[in-house]
């Protein structure tokens, strides 16, 4: 296995990957919070069909 060496760009790529992951986690958290709020609102309002 004579692949490219990871020593030259490894720290930079690792940092970039960590930034991408952190951004993805933040977006995921925002989405989940929005879904939870919507679900909570939907649960507290009376249904149109029941009545």
PDB file of N, CA and C in Angstrom:
ATOM      1  N   UNK A   1       0.835  -1.182   0.000  1.00  0.00           N
ATOM      2  CA  UNK A   1       0.000   0.000   0.000  1.00  0.00           C
ATOM      3  C   UNK A   1       0.881   1.247   0.000  1.00  0.00           C
ATOM      4  N   UNK A   2       1.017   1.843  -1.134  1.00  0.00           N
ATOM      5  CA  UNK A   2       1.814   3.058  -1.211  1.00  0.00           C
ATOM      6  C   UNK A   2       0.914   4.215  -1.611  1.00  0.00           C
ATOM      7  N   UNK A   3       0.044   4.604  -0.693  1.00  0.00           N
ATOM      8  CA  UNK A   3      -0.880   5.701  -0.939  1.00  0.00           C
ATOM      9  C   UNK A   3      -0.254   7.024  -0.551  1.00  0.00           C
ATOM     10  N   UNK A   4      -0.971   8.099  -0.766  1.00  0.00           N
ATOM     11  CA  UNK A   4      -0.453   9.421  -0.397  1.00  0.00           C
ATOM     12  C   UNK A   4      -0.269   9.548   1.108  1.00  0.00           C
ATOM     13  N   UNK A   5       0.734  10.306   1.465  1.00  0.00           N
ATOM     14  CA  UNK A   5       1.040  10.520   2.882  1.00  0.00           C
ATOM     15  C   UNK A   5      -0.004  11.421   3.522  1.00  0.00           C
ATOM     16  N   UNK A   6      -0.400  11.115   4.740  1.00  0.00           N
ATOM     17  CA  UNK A   6      -1.413  11.905   5.445  1.00  0.00           C
ATOM     18  C   UNK A   6      -0.786  12.973   6.339  1.00  0.00           C
ATOM     19  N   UNK A   7       0.515  13.009   6.444  1.00  0.00           N
ATOM     20  CA  UNK A   7       1.159  13.899   7.403  1.00  0.00           C
ATOM     21  C   UNK A   7       1.091  15.362   6.999  1.00  0.00           C
ATOM     22  N   UNK A   8       1.124  15.688   5.711  1.00  0.00           N
ATOM     23  CA  UNK A   8       1.193  17.075   5.274  1.00  0.00           C
ATOM     24  C   UNK A   8      -0.118  17.820   5.484  1.00  0.00           C
ATOM     25  N   UNK A   9      -1.250  17.230   5.091  1.00  0.00           N
ATOM     26  CA  UNK A   9      -2.521  17.932   5.158  1.00  0.00           C
ATOM     27  C   UNK A   9      -3.450  17.412   6.241  1.00  0.00           C
ATOM     28  N   UNK A  10      -3.026  16.464   6.992  1.00  0.00           N
ATOM     29  CA  UNK A  10      -3.889  15.843   7.985  1.00  0.00           C
ATOM     30  C   UNK A  10      -4.466  16.830   9.002  1.00  0.00           C
ATOM     31  N   UNK A  11      -3.656  17.681   9.625  1.00  0.00           N
ATOM     32  CA  UNK A  11      -4.239  18.614  10.613  1.00  0.00           C
ATOM     33  C   UNK A  11      -5.260  19.560   9.996  1.00  0.00           C
ATOM     34  N   UNK A  12      -4.969  20.071   8.800  1.00  0.00           N
ATOM     35  CA  UNK A  12      -5.892  20.993   8.153  1.00  0.00           C
ATOM     36  C   UNK A  12      -7.188  20.288   7.789  1.00  0.00           C
ATOM     37  N   UNK A  13      -7.085  19.107   7.217  1.00  0.00           N
ATOM     38  CA  UNK A  13      -8.282  18.367   6.839  1.00  0.00           C
ATOM     39  C   UNK A  13      -9.086  17.975   8.063  1.00  0.00           C
ATOM     40  N   UNK A  14      -8.394  17.616   9.124  1.00  0.00           N
ATOM     41  CA  UNK A  14      -9.088  17.245  10.358  1.00  0.00           C
ATOM     42  C   UNK A  14      -9.864  18.438  10.890  1.00  0.00           C
ATOM     43  N   UNK A  15      -9.266  19.620  10.867  1.00  0.00           N
ATOM     44  CA  UNK A  15      -9.944  20.827  11.330  1.00  0.00           C
ATOM     45  C   UNK A  15     -11.154  21.164  10.475  1.00  0.00           C
ATOM     46  N   UNK A  16     -10.983  21.042   9.168  1.00  0.00           N
ATOM     47  CA  UNK A  16     -12.092  21.321   8.257  1.00  0.00           C
ATOM     48  C   UNK A  16     -13.231  20.331   8.474  1.00  0.00           C
ATOM     49  N   UNK A  17     -12.870  19.077   8.675  1.00  0.00           N
ATOM     50  CA  UNK A  17     -13.893  18.056   8.908  1.00  0.00           C
ATOM     51  C   UNK A  17     -14.633  18.346  10.203  1.00  0.00           C
ATOM     52  N   UNK A  18     -13.896  18.731  11.242  1.00  0.00           N
ATOM     53  CA  UNK A  18     -14.523  19.047  12.528  1.00  0.00           C
ATOM     54  C   UNK A  18     -15.477  20.231  12.374  1.00  0.00           C
ATOM     55  N   UNK A  19     -15.087  21.224  11.595  1.00  0.00           N
ATOM     56  CA  UNK A  19     -15.957  22.381  11.367  1.00  0.00           C
ATOM     57  C   UNK A  19     -17.228  21.970  10.627  1.00  0.00           C
ATOM     58  N   UNK A  20     -17.063  21.126   9.602  1.00  0.00           N
ATOM     59  CA  UNK A  20     -18.241  20.659   8.850  1.00  0.00           C
ATOM     60  C   UNK A  20     -19.168  19.859   9.750  1.00  0.00           C
ATOM     61  N   UNK A  21     -18.591  18.987  10.562  1.00  0.00           N
ATOM     62  CA  UNK A  21     -19.414  18.184  11.464  1.00  0.00           C
ATOM     63  C   UNK A  21     -20.130  19.059  12.481  1.00  0.00           C
ATOM     64  N   UNK A  22     -19.434  20.046  13.021  1.00  0.00           N
ATOM     65  CA  UNK A  22     -20.046  20.938  14.000  1.00  0.00           C
ATOM     66  C   UNK A  22     -21.209  21.703  13.362  1.00  0.00           C
ATOM     67  N   UNK A  23     -21.018  22.173  12.138  1.00  0.00           N
ATOM     68  CA  UNK A  23     -22.085  22.894  11.446  1.00  0.00           C
ATOM     69  C   UNK A  23     -23.276  21.972  11.179  1.00  0.00           C
ATOM     70  N   UNK A  24     -22.985  20.755  10.781  1.00  0.00           N
ATOM     71  CA  UNK A  24     -24.065  19.796  10.517  1.00  0.00           C
ATOM     72  C   UNK A  24     -24.831  19.485  11.801  1.00  0.00           C
ATOM     73  N   UNK A  25     -24.112  19.353  12.907  1.00  0.00           N
ATOM     74  CA  UNK A  25     -24.776  19.088  14.181  1.00  0.00           C
ATOM     75  C   UNK A  25     -25.654  20.255  14.601  1.00  0.00           C
ATOM     76  N   UNK A  26     -25.168  21.478  14.400  1.00  0.00           N
ATOM     77  CA  UNK A  26     -25.975  22.660  14.746  1.00  0.00           C
ATOM     78  C   UNK A  26     -27.251  22.695  13.915  1.00  0.00           C
ATOM     79  N   UNK A  27     -27.124  22.450  12.607  1.00  0.00           N
ATOM     80  CA  UNK A  27     -28.301  22.456  11.744  1.00  0.00           C
ATOM     81  C   UNK A  27     -29.275  21.351  12.147  1.00  0.00           C
ATOM     82  N   UNK A  28     -28.752  20.190  12.481  1.00  0.00           N
ATOM     83  CA  UNK A  28     -29.596  19.085  12.906  1.00  0.00           C
ATOM     84  C   UNK A  28     -30.339  19.445  14.187  1.00  0.00           C
ATOM     85  N   UNK A  29     -29.640  20.064  15.121  1.00  0.00           N
ATOM     86  CA  UNK A  29     -30.263  20.459  16.376  1.00  0.00           C
ATOM     87  C   UNK A  29     -31.370  21.484  16.138  1.00  0.00           C
ATOM     88  N   UNK A  30     -31.114  22.457  15.265  1.00  0.00           N
ATOM     89  CA  UNK A  30     -32.146  23.453  14.937  1.00  0.00           C
ATOM     90  C   UNK A  30     -33.382  22.774  14.354  1.00  0.00           C
ATOM     91  N   UNK A  31     -33.155  21.830  13.424  1.00  0.00           N
ATOM     92  CA  UNK A  31     -34.267  21.111  12.814  1.00  0.00           C
ATOM     93  C   UNK A  31     -35.060  20.330  13.841  1.00  0.00           C
ATOM     94  N   UNK A  32     -34.356  19.631  14.729  1.00  0.00           N
ATOM     95  CA  UNK A  32     -35.032  18.819  15.744  1.00  0.00           C
ATOM     96  C   UNK A  32     -35.818  19.689  16.716  1.00  0.00           C
ATOM     97  N   UNK A  33     -35.260  20.840  17.089  1.00  0.00           N
ATOM     98  CA  UNK A  33     -35.982  21.746  17.985  1.00  0.00           C
ATOM     99  C   UNK A  33     -37.231  22.291  17.305  1.00  0.00           C
ATOM    100  N   UNK A  34     -37.108  22.641  16.039  1.00  0.00           N
ATOM    101  CA  UNK A  34     -38.267  23.144  15.296  1.00  0.00           C
ATOM    102  C   UNK A  34     -39.340  22.070  15.189  1.00  0.00           C
ATOM    103  N   UNK A  35     -38.927  20.834  14.935  1.00  0.00           N
ATOM    104  CA  UNK A  35     -39.891  19.746  14.858  1.00  0.00           C
ATOM    105  C   UNK A  35     -40.572  19.521  16.197  1.00  0.00           C
ATOM    106  N   UNK A  36     -39.805  19.600  17.282  1.00  0.00           N
ATOM    107  CA  UNK A  36     -40.370  19.397  18.617  1.00  0.00           C
ATOM    108  C   UNK A  36     -41.371  20.506  18.944  1.00  0.00           C
ATOM    109  N   UNK A  37     -41.029  21.741  18.578  1.00  0.00           N
ATOM    110  CA  UNK A  37     -41.955  22.852  18.820  1.00  0.00           C
ATOM    111  C   UNK A  37     -43.238  22.663  18.025  1.00  0.00           C
ATOM    112  N   UNK A  38     -43.116  22.277  16.771  1.00  0.00           N
ATOM    113  CA  UNK A  38     -44.291  22.071  15.929  1.00  0.00           C
ATOM    114  C   UNK A  38     -45.152  20.935  16.468  1.00  0.00           C
ATOM    115  N   UNK A  39     -44.506  19.890  16.918  1.00  0.00           N
ATOM    116  CA  UNK A  39     -45.238  18.753  17.466  1.00  0.00           C
ATOM    117  C   UNK A  39     -45.948  19.144  18.754  1.00  0.00           C
ATOM    118  N   UNK A  40     -45.279  19.949  19.569  1.00  0.00           N
ATOM    119  CA  UNK A  40     -45.877  20.407  20.826  1.00  0.00           C
ATOM    120  C   UNK A  40     -47.088  21.286  20.538  1.00  0.00           C
ATOM    121  N   UNK A  41     -46.956  22.199  19.585  1.00  0.00           N
ATOM    122  CA  UNK A  41     -48.070  23.068  19.211  1.00  0.00           C
ATOM    123  C   UNK A  41     -49.227  22.250  18.657  1.00  0.00           C
ATOM    124  N   UNK A  42     -48.928  21.263  17.849  1.00  0.00           N
ATOM    125  CA  UNK A  42     -49.975  20.425  17.258  1.00  0.00           C
ATOM    126  C   UNK A  42     -50.681  19.613  18.349  1.00  0.00           C
ATOM    127  N   UNK A  43     -49.976  19.232  19.379  1.00  0.00           N
ATOM    128  CA  UNK A  43     -50.570  18.450  20.454  1.00  0.00           C
ATOM    129  C   UNK A  43     -51.429  19.281  21.384  1.00  0.00           C
ATOM    130  N   UNK A  44     -51.181  20.571  21.494  1.00  0.00           N
ATOM    131  CA  UNK A  44     -51.934  21.424  22.421  1.00  0.00           C
ATOM    132  C   UNK A  44     -53.179  22.027  21.794  1.00  0.00           C
ATOM    133  N   UNK A  45     -53.252  22.058  20.467  1.00  0.00           N
ATOM    134  CA  UNK A  45     -54.426  22.621  19.802  1.00  0.00           C
ATOM    135  C   UNK A  45     -55.447  21.511  19.547  1.00  0.00           C
ATOM    136  N   UNK A  46     -56.719  21.811  19.662  1.00  0.00           N
ATOM    137  CA  UNK A  46     -57.741  20.783  19.409  1.00  0.00           C
ATOM    138  C   UNK A  46     -57.767  20.391  17.947  1.00  0.00           C
ATOM    139  N   UNK A  47     -58.049  19.133  17.662  1.00  0.00           N
ATOM    140  CA  UNK A  47     -58.126  18.653  16.295  1.00  0.00           C
ATOM    141  C   UNK A  47     -59.395  19.166  15.633  1.00  0.00           C
ATOM    142  N   UNK A  48     -59.304  19.433  14.338  1.00  0.00           N
ATOM    143  CA  UNK A  48     -60.468  19.869  13.583  1.00  0.00           C
ATOM    144  C   UNK A  48     -61.427  18.712  13.329  1.00  0.00           C
ATOM    145  N   UNK A  49     -60.876  17.497  13.253  1.00  0.00           N
ATOM    146  CA  UNK A  49     -61.690  16.343  12.926  1.00  0.00           C
ATOM    147  C   UNK A  49     -62.480  15.796  14.108  1.00  0.00           C
ATOM    148  N   UNK A  50     -62.054  16.081  15.310  1.00  0.00           N
ATOM    149  CA  UNK A  50     -62.739  15.513  16.486  1.00  0.00           C
ATOM    150  C   UNK A  50     -63.824  16.482  16.956  1.00  0.00           C
ATOM    151  N   UNK A  51     -65.016  16.247  16.548  1.00  0.00           N
ATOM    152  CA  UNK A  51     -66.031  17.131  17.062  1.00  0.00           C
ATOM    153  C   UNK A  51     -67.206  17.222  16.261  1.00  0.00           C
TER     154      UNK A  51
END
